[in-house]
Amino acid sequence: MKIIKKFLEVAKYGWYKYLNNTDQGKITAFSQRICLMSLMVLPMTR
């Protein structure tokens, strides 16, 4: 569970950092990529 928590923290931080540097179109693509990554990672860590 610690791994998942850490991953989510990093993903959230990365997303906020990205949010500050880009326009709306790029943000949605980036957040979709994060969602896909988390969906792939979660089953492996479980």
N, C-alpha and C. Protein backbone atom coordinates (compact mmCIF):
# COMPACT_ATOMS: atom_id res chain seq x y z
N MET A 1 0.82 -1.22 0.00
CA MET A 1 0.00 0.00 0.00
C MET A 1 0.85 1.27 0.00
N LYS A 2 2.01 1.20 0.64
CA LYS A 2 2.89 2.38 0.68
C LYS A 2 3.34 2.78 -0.73
N ILE A 3 3.60 1.76 -1.57
CA ILE A 3 4.04 2.02 -2.94
C ILE A 3 2.96 2.78 -3.71
N ILE A 4 1.71 2.32 -3.56
CA ILE A 4 0.59 2.96 -4.26
C ILE A 4 0.42 4.40 -3.78
N LYS A 5 0.51 4.59 -2.47
CA LYS A 5 0.36 5.93 -1.89
C LYS A 5 1.43 6.87 -2.45
N LYS A 6 2.67 6.38 -2.48
CA LYS A 6 3.78 7.17 -2.99
C LYS A 6 3.57 7.51 -4.47
N PHE A 7 3.14 6.51 -5.23
CA PHE A 7 2.89 6.72 -6.66
C PHE A 7 1.84 7.79 -6.88
N LEU A 8 0.75 7.71 -6.10
CA LEU A 8 -0.33 8.69 -6.24
C LEU A 8 0.14 10.09 -5.87
N GLU A 9 0.98 10.17 -4.83
CA GLU A 9 1.54 11.48 -4.43
C GLU A 9 2.37 12.07 -5.56
N VAL A 10 3.24 11.24 -6.12
CA VAL A 10 4.11 11.69 -7.22
C VAL A 10 3.28 12.10 -8.43
N ALA A 11 2.27 11.27 -8.75
CA ALA A 11 1.41 11.56 -9.89
C ALA A 11 0.68 12.89 -9.69
N LYS A 12 0.16 13.09 -8.47
CA LYS A 12 -0.57 14.32 -8.16
C LYS A 12 0.35 15.53 -8.28
N TYR A 13 1.56 15.41 -7.69
CA TYR A 13 2.52 16.51 -7.73
C TYR A 13 2.91 16.83 -9.17
N GLY A 14 3.17 15.76 -9.93
CA GLY A 14 3.55 15.94 -11.33
C GLY A 14 2.45 16.62 -12.13
N TRP A 15 1.19 16.24 -11.80
CA TRP A 15 0.05 16.80 -12.51
C TRP A 15 -0.10 18.29 -12.19
N TYR A 16 0.06 18.66 -10.92
CA TYR A 16 -0.04 20.07 -10.53
C TYR A 16 1.08 20.89 -11.18
N LYS A 17 2.27 20.31 -11.19
CA LYS A 17 3.42 20.98 -11.79
C LYS A 17 3.15 21.21 -13.28
N TYR A 18 2.61 20.19 -13.92
CA TYR A 18 2.29 20.26 -15.34
C TYR A 18 1.19 21.30 -15.59
N LEU A 19 0.21 21.31 -14.68
CA LEU A 19 -0.93 22.21 -14.77
C LEU A 19 -0.47 23.66 -14.84
N ASN A 20 0.58 23.99 -14.09
CA ASN A 20 1.07 25.36 -14.03
C ASN A 20 1.83 25.78 -15.29
N ASN A 21 2.28 24.79 -16.07
CA ASN A 21 3.17 25.13 -17.19
C ASN A 21 2.52 25.00 -18.57
N THR A 22 1.27 24.51 -18.65
CA THR A 22 0.71 24.23 -19.97
C THR A 22 -0.72 24.70 -20.11
N ASP A 23 -1.20 24.63 -21.34
CA ASP A 23 -2.58 25.01 -21.63
C ASP A 23 -3.53 23.83 -21.45
N GLN A 24 -4.82 24.09 -21.52
CA GLN A 24 -5.85 23.10 -21.18
C GLN A 24 -5.78 21.82 -22.02
N GLY A 25 -5.52 21.94 -23.30
CA GLY A 25 -5.49 20.77 -24.18
C GLY A 25 -4.43 19.76 -23.79
N LYS A 26 -3.22 20.28 -23.47
CA LYS A 26 -2.13 19.39 -23.09
C LYS A 26 -2.40 18.76 -21.73
N ILE A 27 -3.05 19.49 -20.84
CA ILE A 27 -3.33 19.01 -19.48
C ILE A 27 -4.22 17.75 -19.53
N THR A 28 -5.26 17.79 -20.36
CA THR A 28 -6.17 16.65 -20.43
C THR A 28 -5.43 15.40 -20.93
N ALA A 29 -4.58 15.58 -21.94
CA ALA A 29 -3.80 14.45 -22.47
C ALA A 29 -2.88 13.89 -21.40
N PHE A 30 -2.27 14.77 -20.64
CA PHE A 30 -1.34 14.34 -19.58
C PHE A 30 -2.08 13.60 -18.47
N SER A 31 -3.23 14.11 -18.05
CA SER A 31 -4.00 13.46 -16.97
C SER A 31 -4.51 12.10 -17.42
N GLN A 32 -4.88 11.98 -18.70
CA GLN A 32 -5.30 10.69 -19.25
C GLN A 32 -4.15 9.70 -19.19
N ARG A 33 -2.95 10.16 -19.50
CA ARG A 33 -1.76 9.30 -19.45
C ARG A 33 -1.50 8.83 -18.03
N ILE A 34 -1.67 9.74 -17.06
CA ILE A 34 -1.48 9.38 -15.64
C ILE A 34 -2.49 8.31 -15.23
N CYS A 35 -3.73 8.49 -15.65
CA CYS A 35 -4.78 7.51 -15.33
C CYS A 35 -4.42 6.14 -15.89
N LEU A 36 -3.98 6.11 -17.15
CA LEU A 36 -3.58 4.84 -17.78
C LEU A 36 -2.42 4.21 -17.03
N MET A 37 -1.44 5.02 -16.67
CA MET A 37 -0.27 4.51 -15.94
C MET A 37 -0.69 3.91 -14.60
N SER A 38 -1.55 4.61 -13.86
CA SER A 38 -1.99 4.11 -12.55
C SER A 38 -2.80 2.83 -12.70
N LEU A 39 -3.60 2.74 -13.76
CA LEU A 39 -4.38 1.53 -14.01
C LEU A 39 -3.47 0.34 -14.28
N MET A 40 -2.34 0.59 -14.94
CA MET A 40 -1.39 -0.48 -15.22
C MET A 40 -0.59 -0.86 -13.98
N VAL A 41 -0.25 0.14 -13.16
CA VAL A 41 0.60 -0.09 -11.99
C VAL A 41 -0.15 -0.76 -10.84
N LEU A 42 -1.39 -0.31 -10.59
CA LEU A 42 -2.16 -0.83 -9.45
C LEU A 42 -2.29 -2.36 -9.42
N PRO A 43 -2.68 -3.02 -10.52
CA PRO A 43 -2.79 -4.48 -10.48
C PRO A 43 -1.46 -5.18 -10.16
N MET A 44 -0.36 -4.60 -10.59
CA MET A 44 0.97 -5.19 -10.35
C MET A 44 1.36 -5.12 -8.88
N THR A 45 1.02 -4.02 -8.22
CA THR A 45 1.43 -3.83 -6.82
C THR A 45 0.51 -4.55 -5.84
N ARG A 46 -0.70 -4.91 -6.31
CA ARG A 46 -1.68 -5.53 -5.42
C ARG A 46 -1.29 -6.95 -5.00
